[in-house]
PDB file of N, CA and C in Angstrom:
ATOM      1  N   MET A   1     -26.894  -8.039 203.636  1.00  0.00           N
ATOM      2  CA  MET A   1     -27.705  -9.144 203.272  1.00  0.00           C
ATOM      3  C   MET A   1     -28.391  -9.240 204.380  1.00  0.00           C
ATOM      4  N   PHE A   2     -29.787  -9.877 204.014  1.00  0.00           N
ATOM      5  CA  PHE A   2     -30.783 -10.801 204.720  1.00  0.00           C
ATOM      6  C   PHE A   2     -30.893  -9.571 205.923  1.00  0.00           C
ATOM      7  N   VAL A   3     -31.788  -8.093 205.612  1.00  0.00           N
ATOM      8  CA  VAL A   3     -32.342  -7.264 206.516  1.00  0.00           C
ATOM      9  C   VAL A   3     -33.101  -8.212 207.594  1.00  0.00           C
ATOM     10  N   ASN A   4     -34.027  -8.305 207.479  1.00  0.00           N
ATOM     11  CA  ASN A   4     -35.251  -8.958 207.962  1.00  0.00           C
ATOM     12  C   ASN A   4     -34.729  -9.889 208.990  1.00  0.00           C
ATOM     13  N   ASN A   5     -33.931 -10.840 208.780  1.00  0.00           N
ATOM     14  CA  ASN A   5     -33.298 -12.096 209.762  1.00  0.00           C
ATOM     15  C   ASN A   5     -32.139 -12.042 209.547  1.00  0.00           C
ATOM     16  N   PRO A   6     -31.156 -11.666 210.068  1.00  0.00           N
ATOM     17  CA  PRO A   6     -29.573 -11.621 209.803  1.00  0.00           C
ATOM     18  C   PRO A   6     -29.280 -13.211 210.378  1.00  0.00           C
ATOM     19  N   ARG A   7     -30.325 -14.434 210.946  1.00  0.00           N
ATOM     20  CA  ARG A   7     -29.652 -15.388 211.464  1.00  0.00           C
ATOM     21  C   ARG A   7     -29.838 -16.849 210.579  1.00  0.00           C
ATOM     22  N   ILE A   8     -30.536 -16.362 209.037  1.00  0.00           N
ATOM     23  CA  ILE A   8     -30.431 -17.107 208.320  1.00  0.00           C
ATOM     24  C   ILE A   8     -29.358 -17.940 207.656  1.00  0.00           C
ATOM     25  N   VAL A   9     -29.580 -19.086 207.688  1.00  0.00           N
ATOM     26  CA  VAL A   9     -28.623 -20.096 207.327  1.00  0.00           C
ATOM     27  C   VAL A   9     -28.152 -19.901 205.882  1.00  0.00           C
ATOM     28  N   THR A  10     -26.863 -19.959 205.645  1.00  0.00           N
ATOM     29  CA  THR A  10     -26.629 -19.404 204.641  1.00  0.00           C
ATOM     30  C   THR A  10     -25.753 -20.699 203.449  1.00  0.00           C
ATOM     31  N   ASP A  11     -25.511 -21.397 204.107  1.00  0.00           N
ATOM     32  CA  ASP A  11     -24.582 -22.156 203.670  1.00  0.00           C
ATOM     33  C   ASP A  11     -25.345 -23.611 202.829  1.00  0.00           C
ATOM     34  N   SER A  12     -24.719 -23.295 201.531  1.00  0.00           N
ATOM     35  CA  SER A  12     -25.112 -23.952 200.435  1.00  0.00           C
ATOM     36  C   SER A  12     -26.468 -23.218 199.793  1.00  0.00           C
ATOM     37  N   LEU A  13     -26.983 -21.804 200.339  1.00  0.00           N
ATOM     38  CA  LEU A  13     -27.760 -21.257 199.851  1.00  0.00           C
ATOM     39  C   LEU A  13     -27.918 -21.080 198.415  1.00  0.00           C
ATOM     40  N   GLN A  14     -28.793 -21.204 197.807  1.00  0.00           N
ATOM     41  CA  GLN A  14     -29.305 -21.152 196.421  1.00  0.00           C
ATOM     42  C   GLN A  14     -29.998 -20.140 195.960  1.00  0.00           C
ATOM     43  N   PHE A  15     -31.023 -19.460 196.603  1.00  0.00           N
ATOM     44  CA  PHE A  15     -31.768 -18.274 196.191  1.00  0.00           C
ATOM     45  C   PHE A  15     -32.165 -17.732 197.829  1.00  0.00           C
ATOM     46  N   CYS A  16     -32.065 -16.312 197.282  1.00  0.00           N
ATOM     47  CA  CYS A  16     -32.694 -15.538 198.690  1.00  0.00           C
ATOM     48  C   CYS A  16     -33.201 -14.167 197.753  1.00  0.00           C
ATOM     49  N   VAL A  17     -34.362 -13.746 197.812  1.00  0.00           N
ATOM     50  CA  VAL A  17     -34.904 -12.582 197.529  1.00  0.00           C
ATOM     51  C   VAL A  17     -35.480 -11.884 198.683  1.00  0.00           C
ATOM     52  N   ASP A  18     -34.778 -10.970 199.251  1.00  0.00           N
ATOM     53  CA  ASP A  18     -35.431  -9.937 200.832  1.00  0.00           C
ATOM     54  C   ASP A  18     -35.938  -8.437 200.290  1.00  0.00           C
ATOM     55  N   ALA A  19     -37.074  -8.330 200.190  1.00  0.00           N
ATOM     56  CA  ALA A  19     -38.170  -7.182 199.747  1.00  0.00           C
ATOM     57  C   ALA A  19     -37.441  -5.987 200.393  1.00  0.00           C
ATOM     58  N   ALA A  20     -36.695  -6.169 202.080  1.00  0.00           N
ATOM     59  CA  ALA A  20     -35.893  -5.222 202.638  1.00  0.00           C
ATOM     60  C   ALA A  20     -34.922  -4.702 202.375  1.00  0.00           C
ATOM     61  N   SER A  21     -34.532  -5.315 201.454  1.00  0.00           N
ATOM     62  CA  SER A  21     -32.980  -4.841 201.272  1.00  0.00           C
ATOM     63  C   SER A  21     -32.833  -4.488 199.970  1.00  0.00           C
ATOM     64  N   ALA A  22     -32.112  -3.226 199.989  1.00  0.00           N
ATOM     65  CA  ALA A  22     -31.655  -2.450 198.415  1.00  0.00           C
ATOM     66  C   ALA A  22     -31.200  -2.978 197.102  1.00  0.00           C
ATOM     67  N   SER A  23     -29.929  -3.923 198.062  1.00  0.00           N
ATOM     68  CA  SER A  23     -29.839  -4.600 196.848  1.00  0.00           C
ATOM     69  C   SER A  23     -30.059  -6.077 196.436  1.00  0.00           C
ATOM     70  N   CYS A  24     -31.588  -5.986 196.863  1.00  0.00           N
ATOM     71  CA  CYS A  24     -32.085  -6.693 195.919  1.00  0.00           C
ATOM     72  C   CYS A  24     -32.969  -6.166 195.516  1.00  0.00           C
ATOM     73  N   TYR A  25     -34.197  -4.874 196.401  1.00  0.00           N
ATOM     74  CA  TYR A  25     -35.122  -3.849 195.133  1.00  0.00           C
ATOM     75  C   TYR A  25     -34.570  -2.957 195.934  1.00  0.00           C
ATOM     76  N   ALA A  26     -34.746  -2.036 195.114  1.00  0.00           N
ATOM     77  CA  ALA A  26     -34.528  -0.458 194.866  1.00  0.00           C
ATOM     78  C   ALA A  26     -36.043   0.027 195.829  1.00  0.00           C
ATOM     79  N   GLY A  27     -37.232  -0.545 196.107  1.00  0.00           N
ATOM     80  CA  GLY A  27     -38.205   0.193 196.287  1.00  0.00           C
ATOM     81  C   GLY A  27     -38.894   0.312 195.085  1.00  0.00           C
ATOM     82  N   SER A  28     -38.553   0.345 194.021  1.00  0.00           N
ATOM     83  CA  SER A  28     -38.612   0.974 192.717  1.00  0.00           C
ATOM     84  C   SER A  28     -38.490   0.351 191.225  1.00  0.00           C
ATOM     85  N   GLY A  29     -39.222   0.577 190.021  1.00  0.00           N
ATOM     86  CA  GLY A  29     -38.905  -0.087 189.410  1.00  0.00           C
ATOM     87  C   GLY A  29     -39.216  -1.623 189.057  1.00  0.00           C
ATOM     88  N   SER A  30     -38.367  -2.334 188.334  1.00  0.00           N
ATOM     89  CA  SER A  30     -38.460  -3.674 187.290  1.00  0.00           C
ATOM     90  C   SER A  30     -37.808  -4.728 188.321  1.00  0.00           C
ATOM     91  N   THR A  31     -36.471  -4.274 188.395  1.00  0.00           N
ATOM     92  CA  THR A  31     -35.502  -4.927 188.394  1.00  0.00           C
ATOM     93  C   THR A  31     -35.194  -6.313 190.288  1.00  0.00           C
ATOM     94  N   VAL A  32     -35.159  -7.001 190.050  1.00  0.00           N
ATOM     95  CA  VAL A  32     -34.882  -7.463 191.401  1.00  0.00           C
ATOM     96  C   VAL A  32     -34.333  -9.118 191.328  1.00  0.00           C
ATOM     97  N   THR A  33     -33.177  -8.773 192.631  1.00  0.00           N
ATOM     98  CA  THR A  33     -31.661  -9.415 192.361  1.00  0.00           C
ATOM     99  C   THR A  33     -31.699 -10.138 193.374  1.00  0.00           C
ATOM    100  N   ASP A  34     -31.938 -11.292 193.062  1.00  0.00           N
ATOM    101  CA  ASP A  34     -31.451 -12.718 193.855  1.00  0.00           C
ATOM    102  C   ASP A  34     -30.412 -12.538 194.600  1.00  0.00           C
ATOM    103  N   GLU A  35     -30.308 -12.341 196.332  1.00  0.00           N
ATOM    104  CA  GLU A  35     -28.769 -11.971 196.596  1.00  0.00           C
ATOM    105  C   GLU A  35     -27.802 -13.421 196.967  1.00  0.00           C
ATOM    106  N   ALA A  36     -28.217 -14.742 196.942  1.00  0.00           N
ATOM    107  CA  ALA A  36     -27.276 -15.319 196.910  1.00  0.00           C
ATOM    108  C   ALA A  36     -26.657 -15.916 195.995  1.00  0.00           C
ATOM    109  N   GLY A  37     -27.268 -15.497 194.671  1.00  0.00           N
ATOM    110  CA  GLY A  37     -26.866 -16.084 193.487  1.00  0.00           C
ATOM    111  C   GLY A  37     -26.311 -14.814 191.988  1.00  0.00           C
ATOM    112  N   ALA A  38     -26.926 -13.866 192.767  1.00  0.00           N
ATOM    113  CA  ALA A  38     -27.120 -12.166 191.390  1.00  0.00           C
ATOM    114  C   ALA A  38     -27.584 -12.545 190.871  1.00  0.00           C
ATOM    115  N   VAL A  39     -28.516 -13.311 190.708  1.00  0.00           N
ATOM    116  CA  VAL A  39     -29.400 -13.558 189.201  1.00  0.00           C
ATOM    117  C   VAL A  39     -30.810 -12.715 189.183  1.00  0.00           C
ATOM    118  N   ALA A  40     -30.272 -11.647 188.421  1.00  0.00           N
ATOM    119  CA  ALA A  40     -31.854 -10.520 188.302  1.00  0.00           C
ATOM    120  C   ALA A  40     -32.791 -11.155 187.654  1.00  0.00           C
ATOM    121  N   GLY A  41     -33.919 -10.622 188.065  1.00  0.00           N
ATOM    122  CA  GLY A  41     -35.293 -10.832 188.235  1.00  0.00           C
ATOM    123  C   GLY A  41     -35.834  -9.442 187.574  1.00  0.00           C
ATOM    124  N   THR A  42     -37.363  -9.764 186.825  1.00  0.00           N
ATOM    125  CA  THR A  42     -38.224  -8.733 186.368  1.00  0.00           C
ATOM    126  C   THR A  42     -39.364  -8.762 187.485  1.00  0.00           C
ATOM    127  N   LYS A  43     -39.698  -8.009 188.211  1.00  0.00           N
ATOM    128  CA  LYS A  43     -41.275  -8.048 188.648  1.00  0.00           C
ATOM    129  C   LYS A  43     -42.110  -7.542 188.115  1.00  0.00           C
ATOM    130  N   GLY A  44     -43.100  -8.489 187.493  1.00  0.00           N
ATOM    131  CA  GLY A  44     -44.320  -8.060 186.784  1.00  0.00           C
ATOM    132  C   GLY A  44     -44.617  -6.459 187.345  1.00  0.00           C
ATOM    133  N   SER A  45     -45.664  -6.397 185.956  1.00  0.00           N
ATOM    134  CA  SER A  45     -46.262  -4.654 186.768  1.00  0.00           C
ATOM    135  C   SER A  45     -47.466  -5.060 187.371  1.00  0.00           C
ATOM    136  N   SER A  46     -47.814  -5.955 187.945  1.00  0.00           N
ATOM    137  CA  SER A  46     -49.374  -6.209 188.930  1.00  0.00           C
ATOM    138  C   SER A  46     -48.434  -6.858 190.175  1.00  0.00           C
ATOM    139  N   VAL A  47     -47.324  -6.869 190.334  1.00  0.00           N
ATOM    140  CA  VAL A  47     -47.114  -7.019 191.362  1.00  0.00           C
ATOM    141  C   VAL A  47     -46.461  -5.829 192.608  1.00  0.00           C
ATOM    142  N   ASP A  48     -47.037  -5.629 193.948  1.00  0.00           N
ATOM    143  CA  ASP A  48     -47.279  -4.489 194.378  1.00  0.00           C
ATOM    144  C   ASP A  48     -45.978  -4.373 195.568  1.00  0.00           C
ATOM    145  N   TYR A  49     -44.893  -3.660 195.297  1.00  0.00           N
ATOM    146  CA  TYR A  49     -44.071  -3.642 196.683  1.00  0.00           C
ATOM    147  C   TYR A  49     -44.877  -2.751 197.579  1.00  0.00           C
ATOM    148  N   VAL A  50     -44.490  -3.359 198.780  1.00  0.00           N
ATOM    149  CA  VAL A  50     -45.526  -2.872 200.041  1.00  0.00           C
ATOM    150  C   VAL A  50     -44.019  -2.199 201.364  1.00  0.00           C
ATOM    151  N   ASP A  51     -44.280  -0.912 201.372  1.00  0.00           N
ATOM    152  CA  ASP A  51     -43.156  -0.820 202.688  1.00  0.00           C
ATOM    153  C   ASP A  51     -44.111  -0.085 203.775  1.00  0.00           C
ATOM    154  N   THR A  52     -44.234  -0.719 204.454  1.00  0.00           N
ATOM    155  CA  THR A  52     -44.928  -0.035 205.821  1.00  0.00           C
ATOM    156  C   THR A  52     -43.891   0.051 207.073  1.00  0.00           C
ATOM    157  N   ASN A  53     -44.634   0.834 208.310  1.00  0.00           N
ATOM    158  CA  ASN A  53     -43.936   0.551 209.530  1.00  0.00           C
ATOM    159  C   ASN A  53     -43.541  -0.925 209.806  1.00  0.00           C
ATOM    160  N   ALA A  54     -44.568  -2.273 209.483  1.00  0.00           N
ATOM    161  CA  ALA A  54     -44.295  -3.324 209.841  1.00  0.00           C
ATOM    162  C   ALA A  54     -43.322  -3.961 208.928  1.00  0.00           C
ATOM    163  N   GLY A  55     -42.537  -3.570 208.122  1.00  0.00           N
ATOM    164  CA  GLY A  55     -41.754  -4.328 206.852  1.00  0.00           C
ATOM    165  C   GLY A  55     -41.996  -3.832 205.567  1.00  0.00           C
ATOM    166  N   LYS A  56     -41.087  -4.319 204.920  1.00  0.00           N
ATOM    167  CA  LYS A  56     -41.231  -4.314 203.508  1.00  0.00           C
ATOM    168  C   LYS A  56     -41.383  -6.055 202.560  1.00  0.00           C
ATOM    169  N   SER A  57     -42.543  -6.046 201.667  1.00  0.00           N
ATOM    170  CA  SER A  57     -42.355  -7.183 201.230  1.00  0.00           C
ATOM    171  C   SER A  57     -42.985  -6.855 199.674  1.00  0.00           C
ATOM    172  N   PHE A  58     -43.386  -7.890 198.648  1.00  0.00           N
ATOM    173  CA  PHE A  58     -43.996  -7.803 197.686  1.00  0.00           C
ATOM    174  C   PHE A  58     -45.439  -8.535 197.474  1.00  0.00           C
ATOM    175  N   ASP A  59     -46.046  -7.810 196.756  1.00  0.00           N
ATOM    176  CA  ASP A  59     -47.504  -8.169 197.430  1.00  0.00           C
ATOM    177  C   ASP A  59     -47.914  -9.070 196.176  1.00  0.00           C
ATOM    178  N   PHE A  60     -48.196 -10.453 196.195  1.00  0.00           N
ATOM    179  CA  PHE A  60     -48.688 -10.772 195.009  1.00  0.00           C
ATOM    180  C   PHE A  60     -50.735 -11.110 195.109  1.00  0.00           C
ATOM    181  N   THR A  61     -51.043 -10.513 195.880  1.00  0.00           N
ATOM    182  CA  THR A  61     -52.456 -10.841 196.054  1.00  0.00           C
ATOM    183  C   THR A  61     -53.245  -9.507 195.758  1.00  0.00           C
ATOM    184  N   GLN A  62     -53.110  -8.799 195.432  1.00  0.00           N
ATOM    185  CA  GLN A  62     -53.857  -7.539 194.761  1.00  0.00           C
ATOM    186  C   GLN A  62     -54.478  -7.653 193.473  1.00  0.00           C
ATOM    187  N   ASN A  63     -54.052  -8.006 192.353  1.00  0.00           N
ATOM    188  CA  ASN A  63     -54.336  -8.114 191.532  1.00  0.00           C
ATOM    189  C   ASN A  63     -54.127  -9.836 190.613  1.00  0.00           C
ATOM    190  N   SER A  64     -55.060  -9.916 189.614  1.00  0.00           N
ATOM    191  CA  SER A  64     -54.599 -11.032 189.792  1.00  0.00           C
ATOM    192  C   SER A  64     -54.770 -11.093 187.770  1.00  0.00           C
ATOM    193  N   SER A  65     -53.355 -11.028 187.716  1.00  0.00           N
ATOM    194  CA  SER A  65     -53.183 -10.387 185.962  1.00  0.00           C
ATOM    195  C   SER A  65     -52.151 -11.525 185.543  1.00  0.00           C
ATOM    196  N   THR A  66     -51.729 -11.492 184.287  1.00  0.00           N
ATOM    197  CA  THR A  66     -50.416 -12.981 184.002  1.00  0.00           C
ATOM    198  C   THR A  66     -49.445 -12.170 184.472  1.00  0.00           C
ATOM    199  N   ASN A  67     -49.363 -10.830 184.881  1.00  0.00           N
ATOM    200  CA  ASN A  67     -48.124  -9.867 184.800  1.00  0.00           C
ATOM    201  C   ASN A  67     -47.468 -10.195 187.068  1.00  0.00           C
ATOM    202  N   ASN A  68     -48.395 -11.175 187.448  1.00  0.00           N
ATOM    203  CA  ASN A  68     -48.370 -11.275 188.825  1.00  0.00           C
ATOM    204  C   ASN A  68     -47.707 -12.317 189.280  1.00  0.00           C
ATOM    205  N   LEU A  69     -45.921 -11.768 188.984  1.00  0.00           N
ATOM    206  CA  LEU A  69     -44.957 -13.094 189.151  1.00  0.00           C
ATOM    207  C   LEU A  69     -43.570 -11.882 189.101  1.00  0.00           C
ATOM    208  N   ILE A  70     -42.358 -12.802 189.731  1.00  0.00           N
ATOM    209  CA  ILE A  70     -41.257 -12.290 189.255  1.00  0.00           C
ATOM    210  C   ILE A  70     -40.486 -13.146 188.686  1.00  0.00           C
ATOM    211  N   ARG A  71     -39.547 -12.977 187.373  1.00  0.00           N
ATOM    212  CA  ARG A  71     -39.115 -13.601 186.699  1.00  0.00           C
ATOM    213  C   ARG A  71     -37.660 -13.509 186.763  1.00  0.00           C
ATOM    214  N   PHE A  72     -37.371 -14.594 186.783  1.00  0.00           N
ATOM    215  CA  PHE A  72     -35.685 -14.698 187.118  1.00  0.00           C
ATOM    216  C   PHE A  72     -34.937 -15.710 185.858  1.00  0.00           C
ATOM    217  N   THR A  73     -34.142 -15.014 185.551  1.00  0.00           N
ATOM    218  CA  THR A  73     -33.617 -15.780 184.057  1.00  0.00           C
ATOM    219  C   THR A  73     -32.289 -15.775 184.229  1.00  0.00           C
ATOM    220  N   GLY A  74     -31.352 -16.681 184.510  1.00  0.00           N
ATOM    221  CA  GLY A  74     -30.064 -16.750 184.201  1.00  0.00           C
ATOM    222  C   GLY A  74     -29.676 -17.938 183.089  1.00  0.00           C
ATOM    223  N   SER A  75     -28.704 -18.804 183.615  1.00  0.00           N
ATOM    224  CA  SER A  75     -28.223 -19.747 182.914  1.00  0.00           C
ATOM    225  C   SER A  75     -29.909 -20.717 182.635  1.00  0.00           C
ATOM    226  N   SER A  76     -29.992 -21.775 181.998  1.00  0.00           N
ATOM    227  CA  SER A  76     -30.850 -22.275 181.429  1.00  0.00           C
ATOM    228  C   SER A  76     -31.499 -23.123 182.846  1.00  0.00           C
ATOM    229  N   SER A  77     -30.924 -23.771 183.092  1.00  0.00           N
ATOM    230  CA  SER A  77     -30.728 -24.113 184.652  1.00  0.00           C
ATOM    231  C   SER A  77     -31.261 -23.633 185.773  1.00  0.00           C
ATOM    232  N   THR A  78     -31.380 -21.998 185.602  1.00  0.00           N
ATOM    233  CA  THR A  78     -31.951 -21.213 186.818  1.00  0.00           C
ATOM    234  C   THR A  78     -33.262 -20.230 186.146  1.00  0.00           C
ATOM    235  N   GLN A  79     -33.867 -20.770 184.898  1.00  0.00           N
ATOM    236  CA  GLN A  79     -35.131 -20.052 184.794  1.00  0.00           C
ATOM    237  C   GLN A  79     -36.269 -20.156 185.678  1.00  0.00           C
ATOM    238  N   PHE A  80     -36.782 -19.529 186.295  1.00  0.00           N
ATOM    239  CA  PHE A  80     -38.145 -19.938 187.030  1.00  0.00           C
ATOM    240  C   PHE A  80     -38.880 -18.408 187.306  1.00  0.00           C
ATOM    241  N   GLU A  81     -40.483 -18.571 187.270  1.00  0.00           N
ATOM    242  CA  GLU A  81     -40.772 -17.574 188.157  1.00  0.00           C
ATOM    243  C   GLU A  81     -41.359 -17.900 189.383  1.00  0.00           C
ATOM    244  N   PHE A  82     -41.743 -16.761 190.471  1.00  0.00           N
ATOM    245  CA  PHE A  82     -41.901 -16.441 191.829  1.00  0.00           C
ATOM    246  C   PHE A  82     -43.556 -16.047 191.391  1.00  0.00           C
ATOM    247  N   SER A  83     -44.169 -16.438 192.187  1.00  0.00           N
ATOM    248  CA  SER A  83     -45.598 -15.617 192.139  1.00  0.00           C
ATOM    249  C   SER A  83     -46.757 -16.069 193.022  1.00  0.00           C
TER     250      SER A  83
END
């Protein structure tokens, strides 16, 4: 967990998405998993996954469509979109 920065503060952490962590995103497909609460999200088709020598990330800037988001749906209090 927390591939890019192992010194992240985890006390009371509510949400964490790390594109470099295989437990968060396998590198293909549409499932993105919150590492703090294990809430599954769905990556929109317009969100690019970037894997370069500099690191791994989600790119929301290449497309301007309504699918340019990651939608997380858990209980009614944990539904939100990240774009």
